[in-house]
PDB file of N, CA and C in Angstrom:
ATOM      1  N   MET A   1       0.769  -1.232   0.108  1.00  0.00           N
ATOM      2  CA  MET A   1      -0.072   0.046   0.156  1.00  0.00           C
ATOM      3  C   MET A   1       1.047   1.021   0.025  1.00  0.00           C
ATOM      4  N   LYS A   2       2.008   1.310   0.447  1.00  0.00           N
ATOM      5  CA  LYS A   2       2.913   2.339   0.898  1.00  0.00           C
ATOM      6  C   LYS A   2       3.268   2.582  -0.771  1.00  0.00           C
ATOM      7  N   ARG A   3       3.495   1.335  -1.425  1.00  0.00           N
ATOM      8  CA  ARG A   3       4.409   1.773  -2.723  1.00  0.00           C
ATOM      9  C   ARG A   3       3.363   2.518  -3.818  1.00  0.00           C
ATOM     10  N   ILE A   4       2.313   2.253  -3.473  1.00  0.00           N
ATOM     11  CA  ILE A   4       0.852   2.612  -4.530  1.00  0.00           C
ATOM     12  C   ILE A   4       1.037   4.258  -3.722  1.00  0.00           C
ATOM     13  N   LYS A   5       1.033   4.379  -2.388  1.00  0.00           N
ATOM     14  CA  LYS A   5       0.375   6.093  -2.145  1.00  0.00           C
ATOM     15  C   LYS A   5       1.801   6.578  -2.532  1.00  0.00           C
ATOM     16  N   LYS A   6       3.153   6.046  -2.798  1.00  0.00           N
ATOM     17  CA  LYS A   6       4.522   6.703  -2.772  1.00  0.00           C
ATOM     18  C   LYS A   6       4.545   7.245  -4.474  1.00  0.00           C
ATOM     19  N   PHE A   7       3.888   6.233  -5.395  1.00  0.00           N
ATOM     20  CA  PHE A   7       3.643   6.216  -6.861  1.00  0.00           C
ATOM     21  C   PHE A   7       2.887   7.514  -7.230  1.00  0.00           C
ATOM     22  N   LEU A   8       1.600   7.507  -6.401  1.00  0.00           N
ATOM     23  CA  LEU A   8       0.586   8.796  -6.651  1.00  0.00           C
ATOM     24  C   LEU A   8       1.046  10.136  -6.208  1.00  0.00           C
ATOM     25  N   THR A   9       1.860   9.808  -5.150  1.00  0.00           N
ATOM     26  CA  THR A   9       2.549  10.998  -4.987  1.00  0.00           C
ATOM     27  C   THR A   9       3.638  11.542  -5.867  1.00  0.00           C
ATOM     28  N   GLU A  10       4.275  10.921  -6.436  1.00  0.00           N
ATOM     29  CA  GLU A  10       5.484  11.143  -7.369  1.00  0.00           C
ATOM     30  C   GLU A  10       4.908  11.476  -8.709  1.00  0.00           C
ATOM     31  N   VAL A  11       3.721  10.955  -9.012  1.00  0.00           N
ATOM     32  CA  VAL A  11       2.941  10.874 -10.383  1.00  0.00           C
ATOM     33  C   VAL A  11       2.614  12.723 -10.235  1.00  0.00           C
ATOM     34  N   LYS A  12       1.746  12.790  -9.129  1.00  0.00           N
ATOM     35  CA  LYS A  12       1.170  14.146  -8.650  1.00  0.00           C
ATOM     36  C   LYS A  12       2.462  15.123  -8.788  1.00  0.00           C
ATOM     37  N   THR A  13       3.631  14.804  -8.422  1.00  0.00           N
ATOM     38  CA  THR A  13       4.578  16.257  -8.520  1.00  0.00           C
ATOM     39  C   THR A  13       4.955  16.182  -9.468  1.00  0.00           C
ATOM     40  N   GLU A  14       5.155  15.039 -10.400  1.00  0.00           N
ATOM     41  CA  GLU A  14       5.521  15.175 -12.037  1.00  0.00           C
ATOM     42  C   GLU A  14       4.557  15.993 -12.757  1.00  0.00           C
ATOM     43  N   LEU A  15       3.350  15.775 -12.677  1.00  0.00           N
ATOM     44  CA  LEU A  15       2.404  16.683 -13.382  1.00  0.00           C
ATOM     45  C   LEU A  15       2.235  18.320 -12.904  1.00  0.00           C
ATOM     46  N   LYS A  16       2.871  18.445 -11.807  1.00  0.00           N
ATOM     47  CA  LYS A  16       3.262  19.827 -11.568  1.00  0.00           C
ATOM     48  C   LYS A  16       3.981  20.425 -12.443  1.00  0.00           C
ATOM     49  N   LYS A  17       4.955  20.009 -13.038  1.00  0.00           N
ATOM     50  CA  LYS A  17       6.395  20.142 -13.714  1.00  0.00           C
ATOM     51  C   LYS A  17       5.913  20.149 -15.262  1.00  0.00           C
ATOM     52  N   VAL A  18       4.773  19.985 -15.579  1.00  0.00           N
ATOM     53  CA  VAL A  18       4.233  20.051 -17.112  1.00  0.00           C
ATOM     54  C   VAL A  18       3.730  21.084 -17.531  1.00  0.00           C
ATOM     55  N   SER A  19       4.402  21.520 -18.540  1.00  0.00           N
ATOM     56  CA  SER A  19       4.145  23.101 -19.018  1.00  0.00           C
ATOM     57  C   SER A  19       2.626  22.388 -20.076  1.00  0.00           C
ATOM     58  N   TRP A  20       1.625  23.091 -19.644  1.00  0.00           N
ATOM     59  CA  TRP A  20       0.392  22.716 -20.563  1.00  0.00           C
ATOM     60  C   TRP A  20       0.187  24.117 -21.519  1.00  0.00           C
ATOM     61  N   SER A  21      -0.344  23.477 -22.426  1.00  0.00           N
ATOM     62  CA  SER A  21      -0.464  24.298 -23.596  1.00  0.00           C
ATOM     63  C   SER A  21      -1.736  25.461 -23.219  1.00  0.00           C
ATOM     64  N   THR A  22      -1.566  26.414 -23.680  1.00  0.00           N
ATOM     65  CA  THR A  22      -2.612  27.217 -23.536  1.00  0.00           C
ATOM     66  C   THR A  22      -4.142  26.820 -24.555  1.00  0.00           C
ATOM     67  N   LYS A  23      -5.288  27.580 -24.392  1.00  0.00           N
ATOM     68  CA  LYS A  23      -6.417  27.090 -25.237  1.00  0.00           C
ATOM     69  C   LYS A  23      -6.266  27.699 -26.303  1.00  0.00           C
ATOM     70  N   ASP A  24      -5.531  29.029 -26.696  1.00  0.00           N
ATOM     71  CA  ASP A  24      -5.503  29.408 -27.873  1.00  0.00           C
ATOM     72  C   ASP A  24      -4.546  27.901 -28.691  1.00  0.00           C
ATOM     73  N   GLU A  25      -3.101  28.080 -27.738  1.00  0.00           N
ATOM     74  CA  GLU A  25      -2.409  26.790 -28.520  1.00  0.00           C
ATOM     75  C   GLU A  25      -2.786  25.714 -29.007  1.00  0.00           C
ATOM     76  N   LEU A  26      -3.975  25.257 -28.084  1.00  0.00           N
ATOM     77  CA  LEU A  26      -4.311  23.421 -28.330  1.00  0.00           C
ATOM     78  C   LEU A  26      -5.595  24.015 -29.734  1.00  0.00           C
ATOM     79  N   ILE A  27      -6.617  24.765 -29.788  1.00  0.00           N
ATOM     80  CA  ILE A  27      -7.157  25.374 -30.818  1.00  0.00           C
ATOM     81  C   ILE A  27      -6.337  25.444 -32.455  1.00  0.00           C
ATOM     82  N   SER A  28      -5.070  25.959 -31.948  1.00  0.00           N
ATOM     83  CA  SER A  28      -4.517  26.320 -32.870  1.00  0.00           C
ATOM     84  C   SER A  28      -3.590  25.056 -33.752  1.00  0.00           C
ATOM     85  N   ALA A  29      -2.965  23.913 -32.539  1.00  0.00           N
ATOM     86  CA  ALA A  29      -2.755  22.742 -33.155  1.00  0.00           C
ATOM     87  C   ALA A  29      -3.835  21.994 -33.626  1.00  0.00           C
ATOM     88  N   THR A  30      -5.019  21.501 -32.981  1.00  0.00           N
ATOM     89  CA  THR A  30      -5.965  20.898 -33.118  1.00  0.00           C
ATOM     90  C   THR A  30      -6.587  20.973 -34.575  1.00  0.00           C
ATOM     91  N   THR A  31      -6.637  22.381 -34.831  1.00  0.00           N
ATOM     92  CA  THR A  31      -7.054  23.118 -36.094  1.00  0.00           C
ATOM     93  C   THR A  31      -5.953  22.657 -37.393  1.00  0.00           C
ATOM     94  N   VAL A  32      -4.719  22.582 -36.902  1.00  0.00           N
ATOM     95  CA  VAL A  32      -3.907  22.397 -38.115  1.00  0.00           C
ATOM     96  C   VAL A  32      -4.068  20.756 -38.265  1.00  0.00           C
ATOM     97  N   VAL A  33      -3.683  20.126 -37.412  1.00  0.00           N
ATOM     98  CA  VAL A  33      -4.201  18.516 -37.263  1.00  0.00           C
ATOM     99  C   VAL A  33      -5.220  18.283 -38.003  1.00  0.00           C
ATOM    100  N   LEU A  34      -6.599  18.654 -37.847  1.00  0.00           N
ATOM    101  CA  LEU A  34      -7.675  18.624 -38.903  1.00  0.00           C
ATOM    102  C   LEU A  34      -7.632  18.763 -39.873  1.00  0.00           C
ATOM    103  N   ILE A  35      -6.987  20.042 -40.626  1.00  0.00           N
ATOM    104  CA  ILE A  35      -6.984  20.058 -41.822  1.00  0.00           C
ATOM    105  C   ILE A  35      -6.093  19.212 -42.507  1.00  0.00           C
ATOM    106  N   SER A  36      -4.831  18.747 -41.898  1.00  0.00           N
ATOM    107  CA  SER A  36      -4.169  17.940 -42.305  1.00  0.00           C
ATOM    108  C   SER A  36      -4.529  16.879 -42.334  1.00  0.00           C
ATOM    109  N   VAL A  37      -5.526  15.852 -41.769  1.00  0.00           N
ATOM    110  CA  VAL A  37      -5.712  14.900 -41.991  1.00  0.00           C
ATOM    111  C   VAL A  37      -6.836  14.847 -42.886  1.00  0.00           C
ATOM    112  N   PHE A  38      -7.836  15.906 -43.177  1.00  0.00           N
ATOM    113  CA  PHE A  38      -8.662  16.229 -44.111  1.00  0.00           C
ATOM    114  C   PHE A  38      -7.708  16.018 -45.433  1.00  0.00           C
ATOM    115  N   LEU A  39      -7.045  16.741 -45.664  1.00  0.00           N
ATOM    116  CA  LEU A  39      -6.360  17.219 -46.423  1.00  0.00           C
ATOM    117  C   LEU A  39      -5.338  15.665 -47.270  1.00  0.00           C
ATOM    118  N   LEU A  40      -5.027  15.200 -46.379  1.00  0.00           N
ATOM    119  CA  LEU A  40      -4.489  13.538 -46.502  1.00  0.00           C
ATOM    120  C   LEU A  40      -5.411  12.720 -46.749  1.00  0.00           C
ATOM    121  N   ALA A  41      -6.198  12.542 -46.301  1.00  0.00           N
ATOM    122  CA  ALA A  41      -7.621  11.945 -46.919  1.00  0.00           C
ATOM    123  C   ALA A  41      -8.096  11.835 -48.147  1.00  0.00           C
ATOM    124  N   LEU A  42      -8.305  13.435 -48.182  1.00  0.00           N
ATOM    125  CA  LEU A  42      -8.523  13.688 -49.775  1.00  0.00           C
ATOM    126  C   LEU A  42      -7.898  13.102 -50.695  1.00  0.00           C
ATOM    127  N   PHE A  43      -6.325  13.219 -50.675  1.00  0.00           N
ATOM    128  CA  PHE A  43      -5.194  12.920 -51.424  1.00  0.00           C
ATOM    129  C   PHE A  43      -5.182  11.224 -51.561  1.00  0.00           C
ATOM    130  N   ILE A  44      -5.714  10.806 -50.640  1.00  0.00           N
ATOM    131  CA  ILE A  44      -5.296   9.140 -50.636  1.00  0.00           C
ATOM    132  C   ILE A  44      -6.669   8.717 -51.271  1.00  0.00           C
ATOM    133  N   GLY A  45      -7.963   9.402 -50.986  1.00  0.00           N
ATOM    134  CA  GLY A  45      -9.393   8.989 -51.674  1.00  0.00           C
ATOM    135  C   GLY A  45      -8.987   9.234 -53.569  1.00  0.00           C
ATOM    136  N   ALA A  46      -8.414  10.440 -53.420  1.00  0.00           N
ATOM    137  CA  ALA A  46      -8.188  10.571 -55.162  1.00  0.00           C
ATOM    138  C   ALA A  46      -7.133   9.800 -55.742  1.00  0.00           C
ATOM    139  N   CYS A  47      -5.869   9.359 -55.083  1.00  0.00           N
ATOM    140  CA  CYS A  47      -5.150   8.129 -55.689  1.00  0.00           C
ATOM    141  C   CYS A  47      -5.889   6.974 -55.885  1.00  0.00           C
ATOM    142  N   ASP A  48      -6.700   6.765 -54.733  1.00  0.00           N
ATOM    143  CA  ASP A  48      -7.297   5.691 -54.916  1.00  0.00           C
ATOM    144  C   ASP A  48      -8.290   5.166 -56.113  1.00  0.00           C
ATOM    145  N   PHE A  49      -9.083   6.371 -56.226  1.00  0.00           N
ATOM    146  CA  PHE A  49      -9.825   6.484 -57.162  1.00  0.00           C
ATOM    147  C   PHE A  49      -9.499   6.702 -58.450  1.00  0.00           C
ATOM    148  N   ILE A  50      -8.198   7.250 -58.641  1.00  0.00           N
ATOM    149  CA  ILE A  50      -7.727   7.612 -60.172  1.00  0.00           C
ATOM    150  C   ILE A  50      -6.976   5.961 -60.505  1.00  0.00           C
ATOM    151  N   LEU A  51      -6.085   5.175 -59.572  1.00  0.00           N
ATOM    152  CA  LEU A  51      -5.569   4.144 -59.617  1.00  0.00           C
ATOM    153  C   LEU A  51      -6.470   2.786 -60.000  1.00  0.00           C
ATOM    154  N   SER A  52      -7.473   2.870 -59.244  1.00  0.00           N
ATOM    155  CA  SER A  52      -9.081   1.818 -59.750  1.00  0.00           C
ATOM    156  C   SER A  52      -9.272   2.048 -60.719  1.00  0.00           C
ATOM    157  N   ARG A  53      -9.775   3.249 -61.099  1.00  0.00           N
ATOM    158  CA  ARG A  53      -9.960   3.606 -62.737  1.00  0.00           C
ATOM    159  C   ARG A  53      -9.103   3.111 -63.528  1.00  0.00           C
ATOM    160  N   LEU A  54      -7.881   3.284 -63.325  1.00  0.00           N
ATOM    161  CA  LEU A  54      -6.651   2.974 -64.692  1.00  0.00           C
ATOM    162  C   LEU A  54      -6.646   1.375 -64.202  1.00  0.00           C
ATOM    163  N   ILE A  55      -6.518   1.048 -63.408  1.00  0.00           N
ATOM    164  CA  ILE A  55      -6.725  -0.869 -63.548  1.00  0.00           C
ATOM    165  C   ILE A  55      -7.683  -1.311 -63.919  1.00  0.00           C
ATOM    166  N   SER A  56      -8.784  -0.687 -64.059  1.00  0.00           N
ATOM    167  CA  SER A  56      -9.894  -1.435 -64.203  1.00  0.00           C
ATOM    168  C   SER A  56      -9.953  -1.173 -66.101  1.00  0.00           C
ATOM    169  N   VAL A  57      -9.137   0.098 -66.518  1.00  0.00           N
ATOM    170  CA  VAL A  57      -9.097   0.198 -67.890  1.00  0.00           C
ATOM    171  C   VAL A  57      -8.474  -0.433 -68.605  1.00  0.00           C
ATOM    172  N   LEU A  58      -7.356  -0.960 -67.845  1.00  0.00           N
ATOM    173  CA  LEU A  58      -6.100  -1.864 -68.348  1.00  0.00           C
ATOM    174  C   LEU A  58      -6.720  -3.211 -68.539  1.00  0.00           C
ATOM    175  N   ILE A  59      -7.393  -3.581 -67.206  1.00  0.00           N
ATOM    176  CA  ILE A  59      -7.847  -4.975 -67.376  1.00  0.00           C
ATOM    177  C   ILE A  59      -8.973  -5.047 -68.659  1.00  0.00           C
ATOM    178  N   LYS A  60      -9.722  -4.083 -69.089  1.00  0.00           N
ATOM    179  CA  LYS A  60     -10.634  -4.463 -69.892  1.00  0.00           C
ATOM    180  C   LYS A  60     -10.477  -4.796 -71.279  1.00  0.00           C
TER     181      LYS A  60
END
């Protein structure tokens, strides 16, 4: 039981040392990630569509 208490105390101490992002930084970073994921999904979807059409033309 002492080990668990010591562990939780150390975790609490380490969490106090963490530098948390501000709300504006968090929103900005999240926006960049969401836009990047969306653009990458569009690119992969377009490549998939083009390659599947190309392969179907070559097979026929």
